[in-house]
PDB file of N, CA and C in Angstrom:
ATOM      1  N   MET A   1      33.598  -9.278   1.209  1.00  0.00           N
ATOM      2  CA  MET A   1      33.032  -8.322   0.206  1.00  0.00           C
ATOM      3  C   MET A   1      33.203  -8.955  -1.099  1.00  0.00           C
ATOM      4  N   ARG A   2      32.631  -8.811  -2.468  1.00  0.00           N
ATOM      5  CA  ARG A   2      32.325  -9.777  -3.218  1.00  0.00           C
ATOM      6  C   ARG A   2      33.142  -8.633  -4.097  1.00  0.00           C
ATOM      7  N   LYS A   3      33.751  -9.484  -5.024  1.00  0.00           N
ATOM      8  CA  LYS A   3      34.438  -8.403  -6.490  1.00  0.00           C
ATOM      9  C   LYS A   3      33.789  -8.701  -7.560  1.00  0.00           C
ATOM     10  N   SER A   4      33.525  -8.325  -8.333  1.00  0.00           N
ATOM     11  CA  SER A   4      32.753  -8.830  -9.792  1.00  0.00           C
ATOM     12  C   SER A   4      33.502  -9.168 -10.727  1.00  0.00           C
ATOM     13  N   GLU A   5      33.047 -10.059 -11.750  1.00  0.00           N
ATOM     14  CA  GLU A   5      33.927 -10.985 -12.350  1.00  0.00           C
ATOM     15  C   GLU A   5      34.990 -10.024 -13.700  1.00  0.00           C
ATOM     16  N   SER A   6      34.536  -9.059 -13.893  1.00  0.00           N
ATOM     17  CA  SER A   6      35.039  -7.966 -14.558  1.00  0.00           C
ATOM     18  C   SER A   6      36.471  -7.389 -13.776  1.00  0.00           C
ATOM     19  N   SER A   7      36.649  -6.990 -12.839  1.00  0.00           N
ATOM     20  CA  SER A   7      37.215  -6.808 -11.174  1.00  0.00           C
ATOM     21  C   SER A   7      38.364  -7.628 -11.781  1.00  0.00           C
ATOM     22  N   ILE A   8      38.096  -8.915 -11.423  1.00  0.00           N
ATOM     23  CA  ILE A   8      38.846  -9.902 -11.013  1.00  0.00           C
ATOM     24  C   ILE A   8      39.885 -10.166 -12.460  1.00  0.00           C
ATOM     25  N   ASN A   9      39.058  -9.987 -13.874  1.00  0.00           N
ATOM     26  CA  ASN A   9      39.826 -10.108 -15.225  1.00  0.00           C
ATOM     27  C   ASN A   9      40.676  -8.968 -15.360  1.00  0.00           C
ATOM     28  N   ARG A  10      40.484  -7.925 -14.956  1.00  0.00           N
ATOM     29  CA  ARG A  10      41.281  -6.583 -15.023  1.00  0.00           C
ATOM     30  C   ARG A  10      42.298  -7.068 -14.109  1.00  0.00           C
ATOM     31  N   HIS A  11      42.056  -7.222 -12.749  1.00  0.00           N
ATOM     32  CA  HIS A  11      43.541  -7.623 -11.720  1.00  0.00           C
ATOM     33  C   HIS A  11      44.627  -8.700 -12.726  1.00  0.00           C
ATOM     34  N   LEU A  12      43.874  -9.510 -13.258  1.00  0.00           N
ATOM     35  CA  LEU A  12      44.653 -10.730 -14.007  1.00  0.00           C
ATOM     36  C   LEU A  12      45.208 -10.459 -15.174  1.00  0.00           C
ATOM     37  N   ASP A  13      44.788  -9.244 -15.897  1.00  0.00           N
ATOM     38  CA  ASP A  13      45.581  -8.520 -16.742  1.00  0.00           C
ATOM     39  C   ASP A  13      46.588  -7.725 -16.683  1.00  0.00           C
ATOM     40  N   ASP A  14      46.222  -7.243 -15.463  1.00  0.00           N
ATOM     41  CA  ASP A  14      47.245  -6.323 -15.226  1.00  0.00           C
ATOM     42  C   ASP A  14      48.819  -6.936 -14.805  1.00  0.00           C
ATOM     43  N   TYR A  15      48.261  -7.819 -14.032  1.00  0.00           N
ATOM     44  CA  TYR A  15      49.353  -8.633 -13.307  1.00  0.00           C
ATOM     45  C   TYR A  15      50.039  -9.841 -14.747  1.00  0.00           C
ATOM     46  N   LEU A  16      49.185 -10.095 -15.973  1.00  0.00           N
ATOM     47  CA  LEU A  16      49.854 -10.516 -16.756  1.00  0.00           C
ATOM     48  C   LEU A  16      50.691 -10.330 -17.764  1.00  0.00           C
ATOM     49  N   GLN A  17      50.792  -8.910 -18.113  1.00  0.00           N
ATOM     50  CA  GLN A  17      50.480  -8.187 -18.898  1.00  0.00           C
ATOM     51  C   GLN A  17      52.166  -7.086 -18.098  1.00  0.00           C
ATOM     52  N   LYS A  18      51.773  -6.965 -17.077  1.00  0.00           N
ATOM     53  CA  LYS A  18      52.557  -5.591 -16.694  1.00  0.00           C
ATOM     54  C   LYS A  18      53.223  -6.110 -15.526  1.00  0.00           C
ATOM     55  N   GLU A  19      52.902  -7.340 -14.836  1.00  0.00           N
ATOM     56  CA  GLU A  19      53.264  -8.017 -13.928  1.00  0.00           C
ATOM     57  C   GLU A  19      53.247  -6.780 -12.511  1.00  0.00           C
ATOM     58  N   LYS A  20      52.205  -6.457 -12.711  1.00  0.00           N
ATOM     59  CA  LYS A  20      51.633  -5.429 -11.165  1.00  0.00           C
ATOM     60  C   LYS A  20      50.809  -6.222 -10.455  1.00  0.00           C
ATOM     61  N   LEU A  21      51.109  -6.152  -9.063  1.00  0.00           N
ATOM     62  CA  LEU A  21      50.177  -6.954  -8.153  1.00  0.00           C
ATOM     63  C   LEU A  21      49.326  -5.664  -7.260  1.00  0.00           C
ATOM     64  N   LYS A  22      49.503  -4.310  -7.534  1.00  0.00           N
ATOM     65  CA  LYS A  22      48.802  -3.694  -6.673  1.00  0.00           C
ATOM     66  C   LYS A  22      47.938  -2.675  -8.125  1.00  0.00           C
ATOM     67  N   PRO A  23      46.400  -2.277  -7.693  1.00  0.00           N
ATOM     68  CA  PRO A  23      46.377  -1.481  -8.277  1.00  0.00           C
ATOM     69  C   PRO A  23      46.872   0.132  -8.660  1.00  0.00           C
ATOM     70  N   GLU A  24      47.170   0.953  -9.326  1.00  0.00           N
ATOM     71  CA  GLU A  24      48.030   2.247  -9.380  1.00  0.00           C
ATOM     72  C   GLU A  24      46.935   3.110  -8.696  1.00  0.00           C
ATOM     73  N   ASN A  25      45.416   3.200  -8.252  1.00  0.00           N
ATOM     74  CA  ASN A  25      44.944   4.044  -7.324  1.00  0.00           C
ATOM     75  C   ASN A  25      44.845   3.283  -6.167  1.00  0.00           C
ATOM     76  N   GLY A  26      46.054   3.229  -5.727  1.00  0.00           N
ATOM     77  CA  GLY A  26      45.839   2.578  -4.418  1.00  0.00           C
ATOM     78  C   GLY A  26      46.228   3.687  -3.081  1.00  0.00           C
ATOM     79  N   GLY A  27      45.670   5.150  -3.755  1.00  0.00           N
ATOM     80  CA  GLY A  27      45.777   6.033  -2.458  1.00  0.00           C
ATOM     81  C   GLY A  27      47.201   6.790  -2.793  1.00  0.00           C
ATOM     82  N   SER A  28      47.085   7.558  -2.502  1.00  0.00           N
ATOM     83  CA  SER A  28      48.060   9.215  -2.762  1.00  0.00           C
ATOM     84  C   SER A  28      49.131   9.069  -1.540  1.00  0.00           C
ATOM     85  N   GLU A  29      49.920   9.700  -2.020  1.00  0.00           N
ATOM     86  CA  GLU A  29      51.316   9.999  -0.953  1.00  0.00           C
ATOM     87  C   GLU A  29      50.751  10.839   0.088  1.00  0.00           C
ATOM     88  N   SER A  30      51.523  11.498   1.024  1.00  0.00           N
ATOM     89  CA  SER A  30      51.036  11.938   2.098  1.00  0.00           C
ATOM     90  C   SER A  30      51.573  13.463   2.028  1.00  0.00           C
ATOM     91  N   HIS A  31      50.468  14.524   2.344  1.00  0.00           N
ATOM     92  CA  HIS A  31      50.717  15.792   1.956  1.00  0.00           C
ATOM     93  C   HIS A  31      51.723  16.151   2.892  1.00  0.00           C
ATOM     94  N   LEU A  32      51.894  15.406   3.801  1.00  0.00           N
ATOM     95  CA  LEU A  32      52.932  16.031   4.965  1.00  0.00           C
ATOM     96  C   LEU A  32      54.602  15.458   4.930  1.00  0.00           C
ATOM     97  N   ASP A  33      55.480  16.169   4.444  1.00  0.00           N
ATOM     98  CA  ASP A  33      56.974  15.529   4.662  1.00  0.00           C
ATOM     99  C   ASP A  33      57.280  14.748   5.649  1.00  0.00           C
ATOM    100  N   GLU A  34      57.989  13.822   6.403  1.00  0.00           N
ATOM    101  CA  GLU A  34      58.455  13.271   7.173  1.00  0.00           C
ATOM    102  C   GLU A  34      58.576  13.967   8.771  1.00  0.00           C
ATOM    103  N   GLU A  35      59.069  15.284   8.495  1.00  0.00           N
ATOM    104  CA  GLU A  35      59.123  16.179   9.590  1.00  0.00           C
ATOM    105  C   GLU A  35      58.128  16.759  10.277  1.00  0.00           C
ATOM    106  N   GLN A  36      57.078  17.121   9.612  1.00  0.00           N
ATOM    107  CA  GLN A  36      55.926  17.365   9.644  1.00  0.00           C
ATOM    108  C   GLN A  36      54.985  16.706  10.162  1.00  0.00           C
ATOM    109  N   THR A  37      55.401  15.087   9.905  1.00  0.00           N
ATOM    110  CA  THR A  37      54.658  13.885  10.072  1.00  0.00           C
ATOM    111  C   THR A  37      54.762  13.715  11.643  1.00  0.00           C
ATOM    112  N   LEU A  38      56.015  13.638  11.823  1.00  0.00           N
ATOM    113  CA  LEU A  38      56.713  13.362  13.241  1.00  0.00           C
ATOM    114  C   LEU A  38      55.661  14.705  13.841  1.00  0.00           C
ATOM    115  N   GLN A  39      55.923  15.639  13.616  1.00  0.00           N
ATOM    116  CA  GLN A  39      55.211  16.802  14.543  1.00  0.00           C
ATOM    117  C   GLN A  39      54.076  16.674  15.221  1.00  0.00           C
ATOM    118  N   LEU A  40      53.434  16.209  13.567  1.00  0.00           N
ATOM    119  CA  LEU A  40      51.867  16.123  14.030  1.00  0.00           C
ATOM    120  C   LEU A  40      51.312  14.524  14.852  1.00  0.00           C
ATOM    121  N   ILE A  41      52.184  13.485  14.661  1.00  0.00           N
ATOM    122  CA  ILE A  41      51.806  12.564  15.879  1.00  0.00           C
ATOM    123  C   ILE A  41      52.098  12.900  17.053  1.00  0.00           C
ATOM    124  N   GLU A  42      53.564  13.773  17.454  1.00  0.00           N
ATOM    125  CA  GLU A  42      53.745  13.895  18.383  1.00  0.00           C
ATOM    126  C   GLU A  42      52.280  15.242  19.070  1.00  0.00           C
ATOM    127  N   HIS A  43      52.073  15.787  18.305  1.00  0.00           N
ATOM    128  CA  HIS A  43      51.021  16.769  18.461  1.00  0.00           C
ATOM    129  C   HIS A  43      50.080  16.177  19.152  1.00  0.00           C
ATOM    130  N   ILE A  44      49.299  15.237  18.284  1.00  0.00           N
ATOM    131  CA  ILE A  44      47.996  14.388  18.328  1.00  0.00           C
ATOM    132  C   ILE A  44      48.362  13.590  19.594  1.00  0.00           C
ATOM    133  N   SER A  45      49.319  13.119  19.691  1.00  0.00           N
ATOM    134  CA  SER A  45      49.929  11.852  21.542  1.00  0.00           C
ATOM    135  C   SER A  45      49.343  12.689  22.118  1.00  0.00           C
ATOM    136  N   GLU A  46      49.576  14.369  22.407  1.00  0.00           N
ATOM    137  CA  GLU A  46      49.755  14.887  23.025  1.00  0.00           C
ATOM    138  C   GLU A  46      48.461  15.993  23.689  1.00  0.00           C
ATOM    139  N   HIS A  47      47.517  15.892  22.937  1.00  0.00           N
ATOM    140  CA  HIS A  47      46.446  16.809  22.506  1.00  0.00           C
ATOM    141  C   HIS A  47      45.287  15.766  22.229  1.00  0.00           C
ATOM    142  N   THR A  48      44.079  15.755  22.912  1.00  0.00           N
ATOM    143  CA  THR A  48      42.988  14.913  22.784  1.00  0.00           C
ATOM    144  C   THR A  48      42.032  15.994  21.565  1.00  0.00           C
ATOM    145  N   TYR A  49      41.320  15.024  20.547  1.00  0.00           N
ATOM    146  CA  TYR A  49      40.846  15.959  19.368  1.00  0.00           C
ATOM    147  C   TYR A  49      39.342  15.154  19.652  1.00  0.00           C
ATOM    148  N   ALA A  50      38.051  15.528  19.653  1.00  0.00           N
ATOM    149  CA  ALA A  50      36.937  14.565  19.585  1.00  0.00           C
ATOM    150  C   ALA A  50      36.742  14.981  18.067  1.00  0.00           C
ATOM    151  N   HIS A  51      37.347  15.580  17.485  1.00  0.00           N
ATOM    152  CA  HIS A  51      36.795  14.975  15.855  1.00  0.00           C
ATOM    153  C   HIS A  51      37.863  15.079  14.740  1.00  0.00           C
ATOM    154  N   THR A  52      37.668  14.737  13.791  1.00  0.00           N
ATOM    155  CA  THR A  52      39.182  14.885  12.930  1.00  0.00           C
ATOM    156  C   THR A  52      38.950  16.468  12.543  1.00  0.00           C
ATOM    157  N   HIS A  53      37.807  16.655  12.190  1.00  0.00           N
ATOM    158  CA  HIS A  53      38.090  18.010  11.103  1.00  0.00           C
ATOM    159  C   HIS A  53      38.745  19.099  12.429  1.00  0.00           C
ATOM    160  N   GLN A  54      38.745  18.570  13.834  1.00  0.00           N
ATOM    161  CA  GLN A  54      39.769  19.502  13.924  1.00  0.00           C
ATOM    162  C   GLN A  54      40.685  19.611  14.123  1.00  0.00           C
ATOM    163  N   ILE A  55      41.579  18.242  13.584  1.00  0.00           N
ATOM    164  CA  ILE A  55      42.946  17.939  12.985  1.00  0.00           C
ATOM    165  C   ILE A  55      43.317  18.960  11.830  1.00  0.00           C
ATOM    166  N   VAL A  56      42.518  18.753  10.820  1.00  0.00           N
ATOM    167  CA  VAL A  56      42.100  19.143   9.555  1.00  0.00           C
ATOM    168  C   VAL A  56      42.451  20.648   9.828  1.00  0.00           C
ATOM    169  N   THR A  57      41.809  21.020  10.347  1.00  0.00           N
ATOM    170  CA  THR A  57      41.925  22.630  10.949  1.00  0.00           C
ATOM    171  C   THR A  57      43.648  23.371  11.225  1.00  0.00           C
ATOM    172  N   TYR A  58      43.584  22.012  12.252  1.00  0.00           N
ATOM    173  CA  TYR A  58      45.450  22.410  12.658  1.00  0.00           C
ATOM    174  C   TYR A  58      46.207  22.436  11.855  1.00  0.00           C
ATOM    175  N   ILE A  59      46.213  21.395  10.952  1.00  0.00           N
ATOM    176  CA  ILE A  59      46.689  21.229  10.128  1.00  0.00           C
ATOM    177  C   ILE A  59      47.167  22.266   9.041  1.00  0.00           C
ATOM    178  N   ALA A  60      45.572  22.608   8.559  1.00  0.00           N
ATOM    179  CA  ALA A  60      45.762  24.081   7.836  1.00  0.00           C
ATOM    180  C   ALA A  60      46.213  25.252   8.066  1.00  0.00           C
ATOM    181  N   GLN A  61      46.131  25.496   9.498  1.00  0.00           N
ATOM    182  CA  GLN A  61      46.612  26.533  10.512  1.00  0.00           C
ATOM    183  C   GLN A  61      48.087  26.330  10.376  1.00  0.00           C
ATOM    184  N   ARG A  62      48.755  25.398  10.753  1.00  0.00           N
ATOM    185  CA  ARG A  62      49.858  25.055  11.031  1.00  0.00           C
ATOM    186  C   ARG A  62      50.723  25.387   9.769  1.00  0.00           C
ATOM    187  N   TRP A  63      50.394  24.574   9.067  1.00  0.00           N
ATOM    188  CA  TRP A  63      51.106  24.041   7.509  1.00  0.00           C
ATOM    189  C   TRP A  63      50.582  24.837   6.309  1.00  0.00           C
ATOM    190  N   ASP A  64      49.565  25.143   6.264  1.00  0.00           N
ATOM    191  CA  ASP A  64      49.100  25.624   5.724  1.00  0.00           C
ATOM    192  C   ASP A  64      48.689  24.532   4.199  1.00  0.00           C
ATOM    193  N   ILE A  65      48.084  23.585   4.755  1.00  0.00           N
ATOM    194  CA  ILE A  65      47.856  21.905   3.990  1.00  0.00           C
ATOM    195  C   ILE A  65      46.875  21.815   4.253  1.00  0.00           C
ATOM    196  N   LYS A  66      46.094  20.950   3.163  1.00  0.00           N
ATOM    197  CA  LYS A  66      44.645  20.708   2.940  1.00  0.00           C
ATOM    198  C   LYS A  66      44.113  19.279   3.227  1.00  0.00           C
ATOM    199  N   TYR A  67      43.695  18.886   4.106  1.00  0.00           N
ATOM    200  CA  TYR A  67      43.086  17.371   4.310  1.00  0.00           C
ATOM    201  C   TYR A  67      41.972  17.346   4.395  1.00  0.00           C
ATOM    202  N   THR A  68      40.781  16.496   3.688  1.00  0.00           N
ATOM    203  CA  THR A  68      39.698  15.785   3.759  1.00  0.00           C
ATOM    204  C   THR A  68      39.707  15.485   4.829  1.00  0.00           C
ATOM    205  N   VAL A  69      38.388  15.496   5.261  1.00  0.00           N
ATOM    206  CA  VAL A  69      37.880  14.450   7.251  1.00  0.00           C
ATOM    207  C   VAL A  69      38.326  13.139   6.538  1.00  0.00           C
ATOM    208  N   SER A  70      37.874  12.427   5.551  1.00  0.00           N
ATOM    209  CA  SER A  70      38.081  11.053   5.094  1.00  0.00           C
ATOM    210  C   SER A  70      39.879  10.689   4.701  1.00  0.00           C
ATOM    211  N   GLY A  71      40.120  11.677   4.117  1.00  0.00           N
ATOM    212  CA  GLY A  71      41.673  11.662   3.889  1.00  0.00           C
ATOM    213  C   GLY A  71      42.707  11.655   5.068  1.00  0.00           C
ATOM    214  N   LEU A  72      42.368  12.287   6.022  1.00  0.00           N
ATOM    215  CA  LEU A  72      42.766  12.500   7.009  1.00  0.00           C
ATOM    216  C   LEU A  72      42.523  11.098   8.028  1.00  0.00           C
ATOM    217  N   ASN A  73      41.798  10.604   7.989  1.00  0.00           N
ATOM    218  CA  ASN A  73      40.727   9.865   8.916  1.00  0.00           C
ATOM    219  C   ASN A  73      41.922   8.314   8.600  1.00  0.00           C
ATOM    220  N   LYS A  74      42.320   8.269   6.837  1.00  0.00           N
ATOM    221  CA  LYS A  74      42.843   7.278   6.107  1.00  0.00           C
ATOM    222  C   LYS A  74      44.944   7.594   6.921  1.00  0.00           C
ATOM    223  N   TRP A  75      44.979   8.717   6.800  1.00  0.00           N
ATOM    224  CA  TRP A  75      46.287   9.005   7.334  1.00  0.00           C
ATOM    225  C   TRP A  75      46.310   8.244   8.633  1.00  0.00           C
ATOM    226  N   LEU A  76      45.359   8.676   9.145  1.00  0.00           N
ATOM    227  CA  LEU A  76      45.463   8.390  11.217  1.00  0.00           C
ATOM    228  C   LEU A  76      45.681   7.454  11.153  1.00  0.00           C
ATOM    229  N   HIS A  77      44.721   6.252  10.522  1.00  0.00           N
ATOM    230  CA  HIS A  77      44.625   4.701  10.510  1.00  0.00           C
ATOM    231  C   HIS A  77      46.284   4.390  10.027  1.00  0.00           C
ATOM    232  N   GLN A  78      46.836   4.586   9.432  1.00  0.00           N
ATOM    233  CA  GLN A  78      48.177   4.328   8.581  1.00  0.00           C
ATOM    234  C   GLN A  78      49.102   4.842   9.444  1.00  0.00           C
ATOM    235  N   ASN A  79      48.881   5.523  10.138  1.00  0.00           N
ATOM    236  CA  ASN A  79      50.128   6.125  11.406  1.00  0.00           C
ATOM    237  C   ASN A  79      49.809   5.363  12.979  1.00  0.00           C
ATOM    238  N   ARG A  80      48.582   4.400  12.879  1.00  0.00           N
ATOM    239  CA  ARG A  80      48.231   3.710  14.387  1.00  0.00           C
ATOM    240  C   ARG A  80      47.577   4.116  15.188  1.00  0.00           C
ATOM    241  N   PHE A  81      46.648   5.132  14.725  1.00  0.00           N
ATOM    242  CA  PHE A  81      45.836   5.945  15.587  1.00  0.00           C
ATOM    243  C   PHE A  81      44.349   5.661  15.413  1.00  0.00           C
ATOM    244  N   THR A  82      43.576   5.566  16.623  1.00  0.00           N
ATOM    245  CA  THR A  82      42.582   4.707  16.528  1.00  0.00           C
ATOM    246  C   THR A  82      41.494   5.726  17.717  1.00  0.00           C
ATOM    247  N   TYR A  83      40.457   5.700  17.366  1.00  0.00           N
ATOM    248  CA  TYR A  83      38.775   6.403  17.755  1.00  0.00           C
ATOM    249  C   TYR A  83      38.644   5.810  18.908  1.00  0.00           C
ATOM    250  N   LYS A  84      38.602   6.109  20.099  1.00  0.00           N
ATOM    251  CA  LYS A  84      37.755   5.496  21.380  1.00  0.00           C
ATOM    252  C   LYS A  84      36.587   6.507  21.949  1.00  0.00           C
ATOM    253  N   LYS A  85      35.314   6.470  21.716  1.00  0.00           N
ATOM    254  CA  LYS A  85      34.263   6.978  22.298  1.00  0.00           C
ATOM    255  C   LYS A  85      34.279   6.742  23.722  1.00  0.00           C
ATOM    256  N   PRO A  86      34.932   8.616  24.100  1.00  0.00           N
ATOM    257  CA  PRO A  86      35.026   9.033  25.555  1.00  0.00           C
ATOM    258  C   PRO A  86      33.560   8.190  26.566  1.00  0.00           C
ATOM    259  N   LYS A  87      34.072   7.799  27.999  1.00  0.00           N
ATOM    260  CA  LYS A  87      33.361   7.277  28.576  1.00  0.00           C
ATOM    261  C   LYS A  87      32.826   8.601  29.396  1.00  0.00           C
ATOM    262  N   GLY A  88      31.833   8.382  29.527  1.00  0.00           N
ATOM    263  CA  GLY A  88      31.213   9.979  30.776  1.00  0.00           C
ATOM    264  C   GLY A  88      31.741   9.441  32.205  1.00  0.00           C
ATOM    265  N   ILE A  89      31.954  10.465  32.747  1.00  0.00           N
ATOM    266  CA  ILE A  89      32.327  10.045  34.654  1.00  0.00           C
ATOM    267  C   ILE A  89      31.423  11.074  35.515  1.00  0.00           C
ATOM    268  N   PRO A  90      31.160  10.889  36.250  1.00  0.00           N
ATOM    269  CA  PRO A  90      30.131  11.607  37.117  1.00  0.00           C
ATOM    270  C   PRO A  90      30.821  13.079  37.644  1.00  0.00           C
ATOM    271  N   HIS A  91      30.131  13.890  37.303  1.00  0.00           N
ATOM    272  CA  HIS A  91      30.507  15.339  37.363  1.00  0.00           C
ATOM    273  C   HIS A  91      30.171  16.071  38.544  1.00  0.00           C
ATOM    274  N   LYS A  92      31.420  16.382  39.258  1.00  0.00           N
ATOM    275  CA  LYS A  92      31.590  16.833  40.905  1.00  0.00           C
ATOM    276  C   LYS A  92      30.948  15.818  41.787  1.00  0.00           C
ATOM    277  N   ALA A  93      31.550  14.689  41.820  1.00  0.00           N
ATOM    278  CA  ALA A  93      31.522  13.389  42.490  1.00  0.00           C
ATOM    279  C   ALA A  93      31.768  13.704  43.993  1.00  0.00           C
ATOM    280  N   ASP A  94      30.966  13.476  44.663  1.00  0.00           N
ATOM    281  CA  ASP A  94      31.808  13.344  46.498  1.00  0.00           C
ATOM    282  C   ASP A  94      31.293  12.164  46.817  1.00  0.00           C
ATOM    283  N   ALA A  95      32.606  12.136  47.430  1.00  0.00           N
ATOM    284  CA  ALA A  95      33.229  10.327  47.185  1.00  0.00           C
ATOM    285  C   ALA A  95      32.277  10.167  48.729  1.00  0.00           C
ATOM    286  N   ASP A  96      32.180  10.866  49.952  1.00  0.00           N
ATOM    287  CA  ASP A  96      31.578  10.809  51.211  1.00  0.00           C
ATOM    288  C   ASP A  96      30.249  10.466  51.123  1.00  0.00           C
ATOM    289  N   LYS A  97      29.939  11.524  50.076  1.00  0.00           N
ATOM    290  CA  LYS A  97      28.164  11.497  49.975  1.00  0.00           C
ATOM    291  C   LYS A  97      27.903  10.119  49.075  1.00  0.00           C
ATOM    292  N   GLN A  98      28.657   9.759  48.318  1.00  0.00           N
ATOM    293  CA  GLN A  98      28.690   8.624  47.315  1.00  0.00           C
ATOM    294  C   GLN A  98      28.522   7.498  48.388  1.00  0.00           C
ATOM    295  N   ALA A  99      29.415   7.387  49.657  1.00  0.00           N
ATOM    296  CA  ALA A  99      29.528   6.276  50.763  1.00  0.00           C
ATOM    297  C   ALA A  99      28.491   6.521  51.381  1.00  0.00           C
ATOM    298  N   GLU A 100      27.738   7.284  52.091  1.00  0.00           N
ATOM    299  CA  GLU A 100      26.973   7.527  52.650  1.00  0.00           C
ATOM    300  C   GLU A 100      25.468   6.956  52.117  1.00  0.00           C
ATOM    301  N   PHE A 101      25.152   7.455  50.650  1.00  0.00           N
ATOM    302  CA  PHE A 101      24.134   7.094  49.953  1.00  0.00           C
ATOM    303  C   PHE A 101      24.129   5.182  49.912  1.00  0.00           C
ATOM    304  N   ILE A 102      25.448   4.886  49.578  1.00  0.00           N
ATOM    305  CA  ILE A 102      25.362   3.197  49.273  1.00  0.00           C
ATOM    306  C   ILE A 102      25.050   2.743  50.610  1.00  0.00           C
ATOM    307  N   GLU A 103      25.474   3.039  51.827  1.00  0.00           N
ATOM    308  CA  GLU A 103      25.217   2.287  52.799  1.00  0.00           C
ATOM    309  C   GLU A 103      23.786   2.585  53.508  1.00  0.00           C
ATOM    310  N   LEU A 104      23.087   3.874  52.905  1.00  0.00           N
ATOM    311  CA  LEU A 104      21.955   4.039  53.344  1.00  0.00           C
ATOM    312  C   LEU A 104      20.860   2.920  52.725  1.00  0.00           C
ATOM    313  N   TYR A 105      21.375   2.960  51.199  1.00  0.00           N
ATOM    314  CA  TYR A 105      20.628   2.274  50.126  1.00  0.00           C
ATOM    315  C   TYR A 105      20.732   0.624  50.004  1.00  0.00           C
ATOM    316  N   THR A 106      22.207  -0.257  51.251  1.00  0.00           N
ATOM    317  CA  THR A 106      22.340  -1.016  51.104  1.00  0.00           C
ATOM    318  C   THR A 106      21.173  -1.208  52.213  1.00  0.00           C
ATOM    319  N   HIS A 107      21.136  -0.605  53.698  1.00  0.00           N
ATOM    320  CA  HIS A 107      20.628  -0.898  54.794  1.00  0.00           C
ATOM    321  C   HIS A 107      18.852  -0.985  54.540  1.00  0.00           C
ATOM    322  N   TRP A 108      18.318  -0.148  53.451  1.00  0.00           N
ATOM    323  CA  TRP A 108      17.154  -0.120  52.933  1.00  0.00           C
ATOM    324  C   TRP A 108      17.133  -1.210  52.328  1.00  0.00           C
ATOM    325  N   ILE A 109      17.930  -1.873  51.419  1.00  0.00           N
ATOM    326  CA  ILE A 109      17.341  -3.311  50.681  1.00  0.00           C
ATOM    327  C   ILE A 109      17.161  -4.314  51.483  1.00  0.00           C
ATOM    328  N   SER A 110      18.446  -4.334  52.855  1.00  0.00           N
ATOM    329  CA  SER A 110      18.417  -5.058  53.642  1.00  0.00           C
ATOM    330  C   SER A 110      16.808  -5.567  54.422  1.00  0.00           C
ATOM    331  N   ARG A 111      16.475  -4.223  54.395  1.00  0.00           N
ATOM    332  CA  ARG A 111      15.168  -4.071  55.175  1.00  0.00           C
ATOM    333  C   ARG A 111      14.075  -4.673  54.450  1.00  0.00           C
ATOM    334  N   CYS A 112      14.192  -4.772  52.869  1.00  0.00           N
ATOM    335  CA  CYS A 112      12.623  -4.718  52.093  1.00  0.00           C
ATOM    336  C   CYS A 112      12.756  -6.536  51.686  1.00  0.00           C
ATOM    337  N   TYR A 113      14.167  -7.254  52.041  1.00  0.00           N
ATOM    338  CA  TYR A 113      13.790  -8.482  51.646  1.00  0.00           C
ATOM    339  C   TYR A 113      14.428  -9.202  53.265  1.00  0.00           C
TER     340      TYR A 113
END
């Protein structure tokens, strides 16, 4: 990511004049207190959510605290949660039928070559 010359100059001026190392707009404090944070981490660890907006709804219903989806995404990242796309698995798979098919398929392939 490229920084503009004016941004770099502004950061240098802030450091030289105020000995400030981080911009003041580095994010806001969490809306959740420490106990709520621990409870939410435990809840999310035990329950799987497909979408962040579902967690936003849970928080609003549980504690009457409003988060935006992007704000909660940042909170999740800060608390070391990551999103992993679920992988599909066969529905109602029958192991015996699969084994029978593999045997039949293997036999058929061996006859073709």
